[in-house]
PDB file of N, CA and C in Angstrom:
ATOM      1  N   UNK A   1      25.201 -59.961   1.697  1.00  0.00           N
ATOM      2  CA  UNK A   1      26.063 -59.645   0.601  1.00  0.00           C
ATOM      3  C   UNK A   1      25.904 -58.166   0.266  1.00  0.00           C
ATOM      4  N   UNK A   2      26.983 -57.400   0.152  1.00  0.00           N
ATOM      5  CA  UNK A   2      26.878 -55.971  -0.145  1.00  0.00           C
ATOM      6  C   UNK A   2      26.371 -55.743  -1.564  1.00  0.00           C
ATOM      7  N   UNK A   3      25.678 -54.575  -1.704  1.00  0.00           N
ATOM      8  CA  UNK A   3      25.156 -54.223  -3.026  1.00  0.00           C
ATOM      9  C   UNK A   3      26.306 -53.761  -3.913  1.00  0.00           C
ATOM     10  N   UNK A   4      26.235 -54.078  -5.210  1.00  0.00           N
ATOM     11  CA  UNK A   4      27.304 -53.645  -6.102  1.00  0.00           C
ATOM     12  C   UNK A   4      27.263 -52.135  -6.299  1.00  0.00           C
ATOM     13  N   UNK A   5      28.429 -51.555  -6.437  1.00  0.00           N
ATOM     14  CA  UNK A   5      28.518 -50.108  -6.663  1.00  0.00           C
ATOM     15  C   UNK A   5      28.150 -49.804  -8.098  1.00  0.00           C
ATOM     16  N   UNK A   6      27.465 -48.661  -8.286  1.00  0.00           N
ATOM     17  CA  UNK A   6      27.115 -48.220  -9.640  1.00  0.00           C
ATOM     18  C   UNK A   6      27.625 -46.806  -9.828  1.00  0.00           C
ATOM     19  N   UNK A   7      27.789 -46.442 -11.088  1.00  0.00           N
ATOM     20  CA  UNK A   7      28.233 -45.091 -11.412  1.00  0.00           C
ATOM     21  C   UNK A   7      27.059 -44.149 -11.628  1.00  0.00           C
ATOM     22  N   UNK A   8      25.860 -44.633 -11.464  1.00  0.00           N
ATOM     23  CA  UNK A   8      24.671 -43.808 -11.684  1.00  0.00           C
ATOM     24  C   UNK A   8      24.551 -42.789 -10.561  1.00  0.00           C
ATOM     25  N   UNK A   9      24.186 -41.532 -10.905  1.00  0.00           N
ATOM     26  CA  UNK A   9      24.008 -40.512  -9.852  1.00  0.00           C
ATOM     27  C   UNK A   9      22.800 -40.856  -8.996  1.00  0.00           C
ATOM     28  N   UNK A  10      22.831 -40.451  -7.728  1.00  0.00           N
ATOM     29  CA  UNK A  10      21.674 -40.744  -6.869  1.00  0.00           C
ATOM     30  C   UNK A  10      20.441 -39.987  -7.368  1.00  0.00           C
ATOM     31  N   UNK A  11      19.304 -40.579  -7.146  1.00  0.00           N
ATOM     32  CA  UNK A  11      18.052 -39.930  -7.554  1.00  0.00           C
ATOM     33  C   UNK A  11      17.826 -38.697  -6.684  1.00  0.00           C
ATOM     34  N   UNK A  12      17.352 -37.598  -7.304  1.00  0.00           N
ATOM     35  CA  UNK A  12      17.127 -36.382  -6.501  1.00  0.00           C
ATOM     36  C   UNK A  12      16.028 -36.615  -5.479  1.00  0.00           C
ATOM     37  N   UNK A  13      16.212 -36.003  -4.334  1.00  0.00           N
ATOM     38  CA  UNK A  13      15.216 -36.115  -3.264  1.00  0.00           C
ATOM     39  C   UNK A  13      14.002 -35.261  -3.626  1.00  0.00           C
ATOM     40  N   UNK A  14      12.870 -35.669  -3.145  1.00  0.00           N
ATOM     41  CA  UNK A  14      11.640 -34.887  -3.347  1.00  0.00           C
ATOM     42  C   UNK A  14      11.763 -33.573  -2.588  1.00  0.00           C
ATOM     43  N   UNK A  15      11.283 -32.472  -3.173  1.00  0.00           N
ATOM     44  CA  UNK A  15      11.350 -31.214  -2.428  1.00  0.00           C
ATOM     45  C   UNK A  15      10.496 -31.287  -1.167  1.00  0.00           C
ATOM     46  N   UNK A  16      10.996 -30.676  -0.137  1.00  0.00           N
ATOM     47  CA  UNK A  16      10.265 -30.661   1.132  1.00  0.00           C
ATOM     48  C   UNK A  16       9.051 -29.761   1.017  1.00  0.00           C
ATOM     49  N   UNK A  17       8.015 -30.106   1.711  1.00  0.00           N
ATOM     50  CA  UNK A  17       6.814 -29.273   1.754  1.00  0.00           C
ATOM     51  C   UNK A  17       7.121 -28.000   2.537  1.00  0.00           C
ATOM     52  N   UNK A  18       6.445 -26.889   2.193  1.00  0.00           N
ATOM     53  CA  UNK A  18       6.650 -25.661   2.976  1.00  0.00           C
ATOM     54  C   UNK A  18       6.289 -25.915   4.442  1.00  0.00           C
ATOM     55  N   UNK A  19       7.077 -25.348   5.321  1.00  0.00           N
ATOM     56  CA  UNK A  19       6.777 -25.473   6.745  1.00  0.00           C
ATOM     57  C   UNK A  19       7.164 -24.178   7.446  1.00  0.00           C
ATOM     58  N   UNK A  20       6.429 -23.828   8.498  1.00  0.00           N
ATOM     59  CA  UNK A  20       6.725 -22.592   9.229  1.00  0.00           C
ATOM     60  C   UNK A  20       8.143 -22.606   9.786  1.00  0.00           C
ATOM     61  N   UNK A  21       8.773 -21.445   9.766  1.00  0.00           N
ATOM     62  CA  UNK A  21      10.118 -21.321  10.309  1.00  0.00           C
ATOM     63  C   UNK A  21      10.101 -21.133  11.818  1.00  0.00           C
ATOM     64  N   UNK A  22       8.956 -20.741  12.349  1.00  0.00           N
ATOM     65  CA  UNK A  22       8.848 -20.547  13.789  1.00  0.00           C
ATOM     66  C   UNK A  22       9.473 -19.251  14.276  1.00  0.00           C
ATOM     67  N   UNK A  23       9.577 -18.274  13.391  1.00  0.00           N
ATOM     68  CA  UNK A  23      10.152 -16.984  13.779  1.00  0.00           C
ATOM     69  C   UNK A  23       9.111 -16.212  14.583  1.00  0.00           C
ATOM     70  N   UNK A  24       9.501 -15.769  15.753  1.00  0.00           N
ATOM     71  CA  UNK A  24       8.597 -15.026  16.628  1.00  0.00           C
ATOM     72  C   UNK A  24       8.590 -13.566  16.183  1.00  0.00           C
ATOM     73  N   UNK A  25       7.392 -13.031  16.003  1.00  0.00           N
ATOM     74  CA  UNK A  25       7.239 -11.627  15.632  1.00  0.00           C
ATOM     75  C   UNK A  25       6.746 -10.866  16.856  1.00  0.00           C
ATOM     76  N   UNK A  26       7.537  -9.926  17.322  1.00  0.00           N
ATOM     77  CA  UNK A  26       7.198  -9.147  18.499  1.00  0.00           C
ATOM     78  C   UNK A  26       6.326  -7.968  18.090  1.00  0.00           C
ATOM     79  N   UNK A  27       5.153  -7.800  18.708  1.00  0.00           N
ATOM     80  CA  UNK A  27       4.287  -6.666  18.367  1.00  0.00           C
ATOM     81  C   UNK A  27       5.006  -5.331  18.608  1.00  0.00           C
ATOM     82  N   UNK A  28       4.746  -4.392  17.709  1.00  0.00           N
ATOM     83  CA  UNK A  28       5.373  -3.075  17.801  1.00  0.00           C
ATOM     84  C   UNK A  28       4.503  -2.076  18.546  1.00  0.00           C
ATOM     85  N   UNK A  29       3.202  -2.370  18.644  1.00  0.00           N
ATOM     86  CA  UNK A  29       2.280  -1.425  19.255  1.00  0.00           C
ATOM     87  C   UNK A  29       1.555  -0.574  18.222  1.00  0.00           C
ATOM     88  N   UNK A  30       2.004  -0.636  16.972  1.00  0.00           N
ATOM     89  CA  UNK A  30       1.335   0.066  15.878  1.00  0.00           C
ATOM     90  C   UNK A  30       0.523  -0.976  15.114  1.00  0.00           C
ATOM     91  N   UNK A  31      -0.795  -0.828  15.117  1.00  0.00           N
ATOM     92  CA  UNK A  31      -1.664  -1.850  14.530  1.00  0.00           C
ATOM     93  C   UNK A  31      -1.359  -2.097  13.057  1.00  0.00           C
ATOM     94  N   UNK A  32      -1.089  -1.047  12.301  1.00  0.00           N
ATOM     95  CA  UNK A  32      -0.800  -1.207  10.874  1.00  0.00           C
ATOM     96  C   UNK A  32       0.490  -1.966  10.636  1.00  0.00           C
ATOM     97  N   UNK A  33       1.528  -1.628  11.373  1.00  0.00           N
ATOM     98  CA  UNK A  33       2.824  -2.304  11.231  1.00  0.00           C
ATOM     99  C   UNK A  33       2.703  -3.749  11.711  1.00  0.00           C
ATOM    100  N   UNK A  34       2.001  -3.962  12.809  1.00  0.00           N
ATOM    101  CA  UNK A  34       1.833  -5.324  13.322  1.00  0.00           C
ATOM    102  C   UNK A  34       1.093  -6.200  12.312  1.00  0.00           C
ATOM    103  N   UNK A  35       0.096  -5.651  11.639  1.00  0.00           N
ATOM    104  CA  UNK A  35      -0.634  -6.418  10.621  1.00  0.00           C
ATOM    105  C   UNK A  35       0.292  -6.788   9.465  1.00  0.00           C
ATOM    106  N   UNK A  36       1.156  -5.868   9.080  1.00  0.00           N
ATOM    107  CA  UNK A  36       2.117  -6.170   8.010  1.00  0.00           C
ATOM    108  C   UNK A  36       3.085  -7.264   8.431  1.00  0.00           C
ATOM    109  N   UNK A  37       3.568  -7.202   9.657  1.00  0.00           N
ATOM    110  CA  UNK A  37       4.492  -8.226  10.133  1.00  0.00           C
ATOM    111  C   UNK A  37       3.805  -9.587  10.226  1.00  0.00           C
ATOM    112  N   UNK A  38       2.540  -9.609  10.599  1.00  0.00           N
ATOM    113  CA  UNK A  38       1.806 -10.871  10.642  1.00  0.00           C
ATOM    114  C   UNK A  38       1.628 -11.444   9.243  1.00  0.00           C
ATOM    115  N   UNK A  39       1.587 -10.566   8.247  1.00  0.00           N
ATOM    116  CA  UNK A  39       1.470 -11.009   6.844  1.00  0.00           C
ATOM    117  C   UNK A  39       2.663 -11.876   6.449  1.00  0.00           C
ATOM    118  N   UNK A  40       3.804 -11.676   7.107  1.00  0.00           N
ATOM    119  CA  UNK A  40       4.979 -12.504   6.812  1.00  0.00           C
ATOM    120  C   UNK A  40       4.701 -13.982   7.067  1.00  0.00           C
ATOM    121  N   UNK A  41       3.783 -14.286   7.967  1.00  0.00           N
ATOM    122  CA  UNK A  41       3.444 -15.684   8.257  1.00  0.00           C
ATOM    123  C   UNK A  41       2.841 -16.366   7.033  1.00  0.00           C
ATOM    124  N   UNK A  42       2.290 -15.602   6.097  1.00  0.00           N
ATOM    125  CA  UNK A  42       1.738 -16.188   4.875  1.00  0.00           C
ATOM    126  C   UNK A  42       2.819 -16.907   4.081  1.00  0.00           C
ATOM    127  N   UNK A  43       4.061 -16.430   4.172  1.00  0.00           N
ATOM    128  CA  UNK A  43       5.159 -17.057   3.432  1.00  0.00           C
ATOM    129  C   UNK A  43       5.468 -18.450   3.983  1.00  0.00           C
ATOM    130  N   UNK A  44       5.098 -18.721   5.223  1.00  0.00           N
ATOM    131  CA  UNK A  44       5.369 -20.026   5.825  1.00  0.00           C
ATOM    132  C   UNK A  44       4.665 -21.161   5.090  1.00  0.00           C
ATOM    133  N   UNK A  45       3.592 -20.858   4.402  1.00  0.00           N
ATOM    134  CA  UNK A  45       2.789 -21.895   3.765  1.00  0.00           C
ATOM    135  C   UNK A  45       2.971 -21.924   2.257  1.00  0.00           C
ATOM    136  N   UNK A  46       3.932 -21.160   1.749  1.00  0.00           N
ATOM    137  CA  UNK A  46       4.173 -21.086   0.310  1.00  0.00           C
ATOM    138  C   UNK A  46       5.518 -21.704  -0.038  1.00  0.00           C
ATOM    139  N   UNK A  47       5.619 -22.164  -1.268  1.00  0.00           N
ATOM    140  CA  UNK A  47       6.921 -22.595  -1.763  1.00  0.00           C
ATOM    141  C   UNK A  47       7.803 -21.355  -1.877  1.00  0.00           C
ATOM    142  N   UNK A  48       9.094 -21.558  -1.955  1.00  0.00           N
ATOM    143  CA  UNK A  48      10.048 -20.433  -1.962  1.00  0.00           C
ATOM    144  C   UNK A  48       9.748 -19.432  -3.069  1.00  0.00           C
ATOM    145  N   UNK A  49       9.274 -19.890  -4.219  1.00  0.00           N
ATOM    146  CA  UNK A  49       9.011 -18.940  -5.306  1.00  0.00           C
ATOM    147  C   UNK A  49       7.812 -18.041  -5.020  1.00  0.00           C
ATOM    148  N   UNK A  50       7.018 -18.338  -4.008  1.00  0.00           N
ATOM    149  CA  UNK A  50       5.892 -17.490  -3.627  1.00  0.00           C
ATOM    150  C   UNK A  50       6.240 -16.477  -2.549  1.00  0.00           C
ATOM    151  N   UNK A  51       7.423 -16.591  -1.973  1.00  0.00           N
ATOM    152  CA  UNK A  51       7.824 -15.683  -0.899  1.00  0.00           C
ATOM    153  C   UNK A  51       7.999 -14.253  -1.386  1.00  0.00           C
ATOM    154  N   UNK A  52       8.488 -14.088  -2.597  1.00  0.00           N
ATOM    155  CA  UNK A  52       8.787 -12.750  -3.113  1.00  0.00           C
ATOM    156  C   UNK A  52       7.569 -11.843  -3.060  1.00  0.00           C
ATOM    157  N   UNK A  53       6.422 -12.348  -3.475  1.00  0.00           N
ATOM    158  CA  UNK A  53       5.207 -11.528  -3.483  1.00  0.00           C
ATOM    159  C   UNK A  53       4.853 -11.058  -2.067  1.00  0.00           C
ATOM    160  N   UNK A  54       4.955 -11.955  -1.098  1.00  0.00           N
ATOM    161  CA  UNK A  54       4.643 -11.601   0.288  1.00  0.00           C
ATOM    162  C   UNK A  54       5.636 -10.562   0.792  1.00  0.00           C
ATOM    163  N   UNK A  55       6.935 -10.806   0.575  1.00  0.00           N
ATOM    164  CA  UNK A  55       7.965  -9.883   1.065  1.00  0.00           C
ATOM    165  C   UNK A  55       7.821  -8.505   0.428  1.00  0.00           C
ATOM    166  N   UNK A  56       7.532  -8.465  -0.879  1.00  0.00           N
ATOM    167  CA  UNK A  56       7.368  -7.167  -1.540  1.00  0.00           C
ATOM    168  C   UNK A  56       6.144  -6.428  -1.012  1.00  0.00           C
ATOM    169  N   UNK A  57       5.063  -7.165  -0.747  1.00  0.00           N
ATOM    170  CA  UNK A  57       3.851  -6.553  -0.208  1.00  0.00           C
ATOM    171  C   UNK A  57       4.124  -5.943   1.166  1.00  0.00           C
ATOM    172  N   UNK A  58       4.806  -6.696   2.027  1.00  0.00           N
ATOM    173  CA  UNK A  58       5.123  -6.203   3.372  1.00  0.00           C
ATOM    174  C   UNK A  58       6.088  -5.023   3.275  1.00  0.00           C
ATOM    175  N   UNK A  59       7.083  -5.126   2.424  1.00  0.00           N
ATOM    176  CA  UNK A  59       8.054  -4.041   2.265  1.00  0.00           C
ATOM    177  C   UNK A  59       7.370  -2.757   1.811  1.00  0.00           C
ATOM    178  N   UNK A  60       6.462  -2.878   0.836  1.00  0.00           N
ATOM    179  CA  UNK A  60       5.722  -1.717   0.334  1.00  0.00           C
ATOM    180  C   UNK A  60       4.913  -1.082   1.479  1.00  0.00           C
ATOM    181  N   UNK A  61       4.244  -1.905   2.267  1.00  0.00           N
ATOM    182  CA  UNK A  61       3.444  -1.381   3.373  1.00  0.00           C
ATOM    183  C   UNK A  61       4.286  -0.693   4.429  1.00  0.00           C
ATOM    184  N   UNK A  62       5.452  -1.270   4.738  1.00  0.00           N
ATOM    185  CA  UNK A  62       6.331  -0.647   5.726  1.00  0.00           C
ATOM    186  C   UNK A  62       6.903   0.669   5.206  1.00  0.00           C
ATOM    187  N   UNK A  63       7.221   0.733   3.929  1.00  0.00           N
ATOM    188  CA  UNK A  63       7.707   1.999   3.342  1.00  0.00           C
ATOM    189  C   UNK A  63       6.628   3.076   3.421  1.00  0.00           C
ATOM    190  N   UNK A  64       5.385   2.688   3.139  1.00  0.00           N
ATOM    191  CA  UNK A  64       4.277   3.650   3.224  1.00  0.00           C
ATOM    192  C   UNK A  64       4.110   4.139   4.665  1.00  0.00           C
ATOM    193  N   UNK A  65       4.241   3.239   5.626  1.00  0.00           N
ATOM    194  CA  UNK A  65       4.112   3.626   7.035  1.00  0.00           C
ATOM    195  C   UNK A  65       5.222   4.602   7.421  1.00  0.00           C
ATOM    196  N   UNK A  66       6.444   4.345   6.959  1.00  0.00           N
ATOM    197  CA  UNK A  66       7.554   5.262   7.253  1.00  0.00           C
ATOM    198  C   UNK A  66       7.367   6.608   6.557  1.00  0.00           C
ATOM    199  N   UNK A  67       6.894   6.578   5.328  1.00  0.00           N
ATOM    200  CA  UNK A  67       6.654   7.828   4.603  1.00  0.00           C
ATOM    201  C   UNK A  67       5.591   8.669   5.301  1.00  0.00           C
ATOM    202  N   UNK A  68       4.591   7.998   5.857  1.00  0.00           N
ATOM    203  CA  UNK A  68       3.544   8.726   6.577  1.00  0.00           C
ATOM    204  C   UNK A  68       4.129   9.409   7.812  1.00  0.00           C
ATOM    205  N   UNK A  69       5.120   8.795   8.440  1.00  0.00           N
ATOM    206  CA  UNK A  69       5.762   9.430   9.594  1.00  0.00           C
ATOM    207  C   UNK A  69       6.527  10.678   9.163  1.00  0.00           C
ATOM    208  N   UNK A  70       7.171  10.599   8.000  1.00  0.00           N
ATOM    209  CA  UNK A  70       7.913  11.750   7.492  1.00  0.00           C
ATOM    210  C   UNK A  70       6.987  12.910   7.153  1.00  0.00           C
ATOM    211  N   UNK A  71       5.788  12.593   6.689  1.00  0.00           N
ATOM    212  CA  UNK A  71       4.832  13.635   6.308  1.00  0.00           C
ATOM    213  C   UNK A  71       4.312  14.368   7.536  1.00  0.00           C
ATOM    214  N   UNK A  72       4.282  13.699   8.663  1.00  0.00           N
ATOM    215  CA  UNK A  72       3.783  14.323   9.884  1.00  0.00           C
ATOM    216  C   UNK A  72       2.273  14.397   9.882  1.00  0.00           C
ATOM    217  N   UNK A  73       1.710  14.758  11.006  1.00  0.00           N
ATOM    218  CA  UNK A  73       0.247  14.844  11.088  1.00  0.00           C
ATOM    219  C   UNK A  73      -0.272  16.038  10.301  1.00  0.00           C
ATOM    220  N   UNK A  74      -1.491  15.927   9.858  1.00  0.00           N
ATOM    221  CA  UNK A  74      -2.135  17.041   9.157  1.00  0.00           C
ATOM    222  C   UNK A  74      -2.348  18.181  10.152  1.00  0.00           C
ATOM    223  N   UNK A  75      -2.193  19.414   9.705  1.00  0.00           N
ATOM    224  CA  UNK A  75      -2.401  20.522  10.635  1.00  0.00           C
ATOM    225  C   UNK A  75      -3.839  20.539  11.149  1.00  0.00           C
ATOM    226  N   UNK A  76      -3.978  20.839  12.410  1.00  0.00           N
ATOM    227  CA  UNK A  76      -5.304  20.903  13.023  1.00  0.00           C
ATOM    228  C   UNK A  76      -6.015  22.160  12.526  1.00  0.00           C
ATOM    229  N   UNK A  77      -7.292  22.017  12.263  1.00  0.00           N
ATOM    230  CA  UNK A  77      -8.017  23.215  11.828  1.00  0.00           C
ATOM    231  C   UNK A  77      -8.066  24.227  12.981  1.00  0.00           C
ATOM    232  N   UNK A  78      -7.812  25.444  12.655  1.00  0.00           N
ATOM    233  CA  UNK A  78      -7.821  26.497  13.659  1.00  0.00           C
ATOM    234  C   UNK A  78      -8.919  27.497  13.347  1.00  0.00           C
ATOM    235  N   UNK A  79      -9.019  28.525  14.142  1.00  0.00           N
ATOM    236  CA  UNK A  79     -10.039  29.543  13.884  1.00  0.00           C
ATOM    237  C   UNK A  79      -9.731  30.248  12.571  1.00  0.00           C
ATOM    238  N   UNK A  80     -10.772  30.704  11.944  1.00  0.00           N
ATOM    239  CA  UNK A  80     -10.593  31.424  10.684  1.00  0.00           C
ATOM    240  C   UNK A  80      -9.753  32.668  10.939  1.00  0.00           C
ATOM    241  N   UNK A  81      -8.895  32.939  10.037  1.00  0.00           N
ATOM    242  CA  UNK A  81      -8.021  34.109  10.183  1.00  0.00           C
ATOM    243  C   UNK A  81      -8.831  35.362   9.869  1.00  0.00           C
ATOM    244  N   UNK A  82      -8.897  36.261  10.844  1.00  0.00           N
ATOM    245  CA  UNK A  82      -9.626  37.523  10.686  1.00  0.00           C
ATOM    246  C   UNK A  82      -8.601  38.619  10.601  1.00  0.00           C
ATOM    247  N   UNK A  83      -8.715  39.478   9.604  1.00  0.00           N
ATOM    248  CA  UNK A  83      -7.745  40.566   9.513  1.00  0.00           C
ATOM    249  C   UNK A  83      -7.828  41.443  10.767  1.00  0.00           C
ATOM    250  N   UNK A  84      -6.684  41.959  11.195  1.00  0.00           N
ATOM    251  CA  UNK A  84      -6.702  42.798  12.390  1.00  0.00           C
ATOM    252  C   UNK A  84      -7.554  44.045  12.175  1.00  0.00           C
ATOM    253  N   UNK A  85      -8.156  44.481  13.246  1.00  0.00           N
ATOM    254  CA  UNK A  85      -8.994  45.671  13.204  1.00  0.00           C
ATOM    255  C   UNK A  85      -8.077  46.872  13.188  1.00  0.00           C
ATOM    256  N   UNK A  86      -8.277  47.725  12.218  1.00  0.00           N
ATOM    257  CA  UNK A  86      -7.506  48.969  12.156  1.00  0.00           C
ATOM    258  C   UNK A  86      -8.224  50.031  12.977  1.00  0.00           C
ATOM    259  N   UNK A  87      -7.479  50.707  13.790  1.00  0.00           N
ATOM    260  CA  UNK A  87      -8.061  51.726  14.649  1.00  0.00           C
ATOM    261  C   UNK A  87      -8.088  53.076  13.922  1.00  0.00           C
ATOM    262  N   UNK A  88      -8.548  53.101  12.733  1.00  0.00           N
ATOM    263  CA  UNK A  88      -8.656  54.363  11.985  1.00  0.00           C
ATOM    264  C   UNK A  88     -10.066  54.899  12.108  1.00  0.00           C
ATOM    265  N   UNK A  89     -10.127  56.173  12.175  1.00  0.00           N
ATOM    266  CA  UNK A  89     -11.450  56.791  12.241  1.00  0.00           C
ATOM    267  C   UNK A  89     -11.785  57.432  10.943  1.00  0.00           C
TER     268      UNK A  89
END
């Protein structure tokens, strides 16, 4: 015998547990950048409301890495500057 129809809304489903998305992260060859990209895996184990903190942390680190590239390397120390010898007698 079929169940009688009701006008009651269906009960909400339980939220799914966090699970890894399985996104492959390709190493860049830069240890600092690779560590930041691996940090994204932390979001796999958090509820959606915890993702923002991870994403902002990684974004901040990547911005710092890019800014360091813009700054360029520090100048190499060179010999002390000696004033030229004047050939005056």
